[in-house]
Amino acid sequence: MLKFLSFLGTSRYIPCNYFMKDLKAENCCYIQEALLSMLEEKNIKPDEVVIFTTDKSYEENCIKNKNTGCGRPGLKETLDQFFVERSC
């Protein structure tokens, strides 16, 4: 069983680009989104994702994005895209 563990803070998250060796994730607000994207490119999908938060970071960045100016959703909605069942 592969588990993905990460932490979420209270900063204002803004879209940016992430690079790791030959992988890249562009225009991501959250490192968790970028890392899961890069894993997906390598056909690796965690069985479970655990995000550690405080009450404040949960409200400010998990449920919604504290940086309202960027027009992006919170981390929860962002990560939901990785766990939607896809069919042909």
N, C-alpha and C. Protein backbone atom coordinates (compact mmCIF):
# COMPACT_ATOMS: atom_id res chain seq x y z
N MET A 1 0.84 -1.17 0.00
CA MET A 1 0.00 0.00 0.00
C MET A 1 0.89 1.24 0.00
N LEU A 2 0.66 2.13 -0.95
CA LEU A 2 1.43 3.36 -1.07
C LEU A 2 0.63 4.51 -0.49
N LYS A 3 1.22 5.20 0.49
CA LYS A 3 0.57 6.36 1.12
C LYS A 3 1.35 7.61 0.77
N PHE A 4 0.62 8.67 0.47
CA PHE A 4 1.20 9.99 0.20
C PHE A 4 0.90 10.86 1.41
N LEU A 5 1.93 11.32 2.10
CA LEU A 5 1.78 12.15 3.29
C LEU A 5 2.33 13.54 3.02
N SER A 6 1.59 14.57 3.48
CA SER A 6 2.05 15.93 3.26
C SER A 6 1.43 16.86 4.32
N PHE A 7 1.89 18.09 4.32
CA PHE A 7 1.42 19.10 5.26
C PHE A 7 0.89 20.29 4.50
N LEU A 8 -0.09 20.98 5.07
CA LEU A 8 -0.67 22.18 4.46
C LEU A 8 -0.57 23.32 5.46
N GLY A 9 -0.09 24.45 5.00
CA GLY A 9 0.09 25.61 5.88
C GLY A 9 -0.97 26.67 5.66
N THR A 10 -0.69 27.85 6.19
CA THR A 10 -1.64 28.96 6.12
C THR A 10 -1.17 30.08 5.19
N SER A 11 -0.12 29.83 4.42
CA SER A 11 0.37 30.84 3.48
C SER A 11 -0.63 31.08 2.36
N ARG A 12 -0.42 32.14 1.63
CA ARG A 12 -1.22 32.40 0.42
C ARG A 12 -0.56 31.63 -0.73
N TYR A 13 -1.20 30.58 -1.17
CA TYR A 13 -0.64 29.75 -2.23
C TYR A 13 -0.94 30.37 -3.58
N ILE A 14 0.10 30.46 -4.42
CA ILE A 14 -0.05 31.04 -5.75
C ILE A 14 0.38 30.02 -6.78
N PRO A 15 -0.15 30.12 -8.00
CA PRO A 15 0.26 29.19 -9.06
C PRO A 15 1.74 29.35 -9.39
N CYS A 16 2.43 28.23 -9.54
CA CYS A 16 3.84 28.25 -9.94
C CYS A 16 4.16 26.93 -10.63
N ASN A 17 5.38 26.80 -11.09
CA ASN A 17 5.83 25.61 -11.82
C ASN A 17 6.82 24.83 -10.97
N TYR A 18 6.71 23.52 -11.03
CA TYR A 18 7.58 22.63 -10.27
C TYR A 18 8.31 21.71 -11.24
N PHE A 19 9.58 21.46 -10.97
CA PHE A 19 10.39 20.59 -11.80
C PHE A 19 11.15 19.60 -10.93
N MET A 20 11.24 18.35 -11.39
CA MET A 20 12.01 17.33 -10.70
C MET A 20 12.55 16.38 -11.76
N LYS A 21 13.85 16.46 -11.98
CA LYS A 21 14.52 15.68 -13.03
C LYS A 21 13.81 15.92 -14.36
N ASP A 22 13.26 14.88 -14.98
CA ASP A 22 12.62 15.03 -16.28
C ASP A 22 11.12 15.31 -16.17
N LEU A 23 10.62 15.53 -14.98
CA LEU A 23 9.19 15.76 -14.77
C LEU A 23 8.92 17.23 -14.49
N LYS A 24 7.74 17.68 -14.88
CA LYS A 24 7.35 19.04 -14.56
C LYS A 24 5.84 19.09 -14.32
N ALA A 25 5.45 20.00 -13.47
CA ALA A 25 4.04 20.28 -13.20
C ALA A 25 3.91 21.79 -13.24
N GLU A 26 3.14 22.26 -14.17
CA GLU A 26 3.03 23.69 -14.39
C GLU A 26 1.71 24.25 -13.86
N ASN A 27 1.78 25.49 -13.40
CA ASN A 27 0.60 26.24 -13.00
C ASN A 27 -0.16 25.57 -11.85
N CYS A 28 0.57 25.08 -10.87
CA CYS A 28 -0.02 24.43 -9.69
C CYS A 28 0.07 25.36 -8.49
N CYS A 29 -1.01 25.44 -7.72
CA CYS A 29 -0.97 26.24 -6.49
C CYS A 29 -0.32 25.49 -5.34
N TYR A 30 -0.49 24.18 -5.34
CA TYR A 30 -0.06 23.39 -4.19
C TYR A 30 1.00 22.36 -4.60
N ILE A 31 2.00 22.18 -3.78
CA ILE A 31 3.04 21.18 -4.04
C ILE A 31 2.43 19.79 -4.10
N GLN A 32 1.39 19.55 -3.33
CA GLN A 32 0.74 18.23 -3.34
C GLN A 32 0.17 17.93 -4.73
N GLU A 33 -0.44 18.91 -5.34
CA GLU A 33 -0.96 18.76 -6.70
C GLU A 33 0.17 18.46 -7.68
N ALA A 34 1.27 19.19 -7.55
CA ALA A 34 2.41 19.00 -8.44
C ALA A 34 3.01 17.60 -8.29
N LEU A 35 3.23 17.18 -7.05
CA LEU A 35 3.83 15.86 -6.82
C LEU A 35 2.92 14.73 -7.30
N LEU A 36 1.62 14.84 -7.04
CA LEU A 36 0.70 13.79 -7.50
C LEU A 36 0.64 13.76 -9.03
N SER A 37 0.75 14.91 -9.65
CA SER A 37 0.81 14.98 -11.13
C SER A 37 2.04 14.26 -11.66
N MET A 38 3.18 14.54 -11.02
CA MET A 38 4.43 13.91 -11.45
C MET A 38 4.39 12.40 -11.22
N LEU A 39 3.83 11.98 -10.11
CA LEU A 39 3.68 10.54 -9.87
C LEU A 39 2.78 9.90 -10.91
N GLU A 40 1.71 10.59 -11.25
CA GLU A 40 0.77 10.08 -12.26
C GLU A 40 1.47 9.89 -13.61
N GLU A 41 2.37 10.81 -13.95
CA GLU A 41 3.13 10.69 -15.19
C GLU A 41 3.96 9.41 -15.22
N LYS A 42 4.37 8.95 -14.05
CA LYS A 42 5.15 7.72 -13.92
C LYS A 42 4.25 6.50 -13.64
N ASN A 43 2.94 6.69 -13.81
CA ASN A 43 1.95 5.63 -13.56
C ASN A 43 1.98 5.13 -12.11
N ILE A 44 2.21 6.05 -11.19
CA ILE A 44 2.20 5.73 -9.77
C ILE A 44 1.02 6.46 -9.14
N LYS A 45 0.14 5.70 -8.52
CA LYS A 45 -1.03 6.29 -7.88
C LYS A 45 -1.11 5.80 -6.44
N PRO A 46 -0.99 6.72 -5.49
CA PRO A 46 -1.08 6.32 -4.08
C PRO A 46 -2.46 5.74 -3.76
N ASP A 47 -2.46 4.80 -2.84
CA ASP A 47 -3.72 4.22 -2.37
C ASP A 47 -4.43 5.16 -1.41
N GLU A 48 -3.64 5.99 -0.76
CA GLU A 48 -4.20 6.90 0.24
C GLU A 48 -3.39 8.18 0.26
N VAL A 49 -4.09 9.31 0.41
CA VAL A 49 -3.45 10.62 0.55
C VAL A 49 -3.84 11.17 1.91
N VAL A 50 -2.84 11.53 2.70
CA VAL A 50 -3.08 12.09 4.03
C VAL A 50 -2.43 13.48 4.07
N ILE A 51 -3.24 14.48 4.33
CA ILE A 51 -2.75 15.85 4.44
C ILE A 51 -2.92 16.29 5.89
N PHE A 52 -1.82 16.63 6.53
CA PHE A 52 -1.87 17.11 7.91
C PHE A 52 -2.12 18.61 7.89
N THR A 53 -3.11 19.05 8.67
CA THR A 53 -3.46 20.47 8.74
C THR A 53 -3.69 20.88 10.18
N THR A 54 -3.68 22.18 10.40
CA THR A 54 -4.20 22.74 11.63
C THR A 54 -5.64 23.15 11.32
N ASP A 55 -6.39 23.52 12.33
CA ASP A 55 -7.75 24.00 12.07
C ASP A 55 -7.73 25.20 11.14
N LYS A 56 -6.75 26.08 11.36
CA LYS A 56 -6.66 27.30 10.54
C LYS A 56 -6.29 26.99 9.10
N SER A 57 -5.30 26.13 8.89
CA SER A 57 -4.90 25.81 7.50
C SER A 57 -6.00 25.02 6.79
N TYR A 58 -6.74 24.22 7.53
CA TYR A 58 -7.86 23.48 6.93
C TYR A 58 -8.90 24.46 6.38
N GLU A 59 -9.28 25.43 7.20
CA GLU A 59 -10.27 26.42 6.77
C GLU A 59 -9.75 27.32 5.66
N GLU A 60 -8.50 27.78 5.79
CA GLU A 60 -7.97 28.78 4.86
C GLU A 60 -7.49 28.21 3.54
N ASN A 61 -7.01 26.98 3.50
CA ASN A 61 -6.41 26.47 2.26
C ASN A 61 -6.87 25.09 1.83
N CYS A 62 -7.53 24.37 2.69
CA CYS A 62 -8.02 23.05 2.28
C CYS A 62 -9.43 23.18 1.70
N ILE A 63 -10.31 23.85 2.42
CA ILE A 63 -11.68 24.03 1.98
C ILE A 63 -11.77 25.09 0.89
N LYS A 64 -11.04 26.15 1.04
CA LYS A 64 -10.98 27.23 0.04
C LYS A 64 -9.54 27.66 -0.10
N ASN A 65 -9.24 28.48 -1.07
CA ASN A 65 -7.89 29.01 -1.25
C ASN A 65 -7.84 30.40 -0.63
N LYS A 66 -7.00 30.57 0.37
CA LYS A 66 -6.86 31.85 1.05
C LYS A 66 -6.54 32.98 0.06
N ASN A 67 -5.83 32.64 -0.99
CA ASN A 67 -5.47 33.62 -2.01
C ASN A 67 -6.63 33.75 -3.00
N THR A 68 -7.65 34.48 -2.61
CA THR A 68 -8.85 34.59 -3.44
C THR A 68 -8.57 35.27 -4.78
N GLY A 69 -7.51 36.03 -4.86
CA GLY A 69 -7.16 36.73 -6.09
C GLY A 69 -6.76 35.82 -7.23
N CYS A 70 -6.33 34.59 -6.92
CA CYS A 70 -5.87 33.69 -7.99
C CYS A 70 -7.03 32.89 -8.60
N GLY A 71 -8.20 32.93 -7.95
CA GLY A 71 -9.37 32.25 -8.51
C GLY A 71 -9.27 30.73 -8.53
N ARG A 72 -8.51 30.16 -7.64
CA ARG A 72 -8.32 28.70 -7.59
C ARG A 72 -9.03 28.12 -6.39
N PRO A 73 -9.41 26.84 -6.49
CA PRO A 73 -10.06 26.19 -5.35
C PRO A 73 -9.06 25.81 -4.27
N GLY A 74 -9.58 25.35 -3.16
CA GLY A 74 -8.74 24.86 -2.08
C GLY A 74 -8.11 23.52 -2.44
N LEU A 75 -7.26 23.04 -1.56
CA LEU A 75 -6.52 21.80 -1.83
C LEU A 75 -7.44 20.60 -1.99
N LYS A 76 -8.48 20.50 -1.17
CA LYS A 76 -9.38 19.35 -1.26
C LYS A 76 -9.97 19.21 -2.65
N GLU A 77 -10.54 20.28 -3.17
CA GLU A 77 -11.13 20.24 -4.51
C GLU A 77 -10.06 20.01 -5.58
N THR A 78 -8.90 20.58 -5.39
CA THR A 78 -7.81 20.39 -6.34
C THR A 78 -7.39 18.93 -6.41
N LEU A 79 -7.29 18.27 -5.26
CA LEU A 79 -6.86 16.87 -5.24
C LEU A 79 -7.96 15.90 -5.67
N ASP A 80 -9.20 16.33 -5.60
CA ASP A 80 -10.31 15.45 -6.03
C ASP A 80 -10.13 14.98 -7.47
N GLN A 81 -9.48 15.79 -8.30
CA GLN A 81 -9.28 15.42 -9.71
C GLN A 81 -8.46 14.14 -9.88
N PHE A 82 -7.64 13.84 -8.90
CA PHE A 82 -6.79 12.65 -8.99
C PHE A 82 -7.52 11.37 -8.58
N PHE A 83 -8.70 11.51 -8.01
CA PHE A 83 -9.38 10.34 -7.47
C PHE A 83 -10.77 10.15 -8.03
N VAL A 84 -11.03 10.72 -9.19
CA VAL A 84 -12.30 10.52 -9.88
C VAL A 84 -12.14 9.27 -10.74
N GLU A 85 -13.07 8.37 -10.61
CA GLU A 85 -13.03 7.16 -11.45
C GLU A 85 -13.22 7.56 -12.90
N ARG A 86 -12.34 7.09 -13.74
CA ARG A 86 -12.41 7.41 -15.17
C ARG A 86 -12.82 6.16 -15.95
N SER A 87 -13.67 6.39 -16.93
CA SER A 87 -14.06 5.27 -17.79
C SER A 87 -13.88 5.65 -19.25
N CYS A 88 -13.76 4.65 -20.11
CA CYS A 88 -13.57 4.91 -21.55
C CYS A 88 -14.88 5.22 -22.21
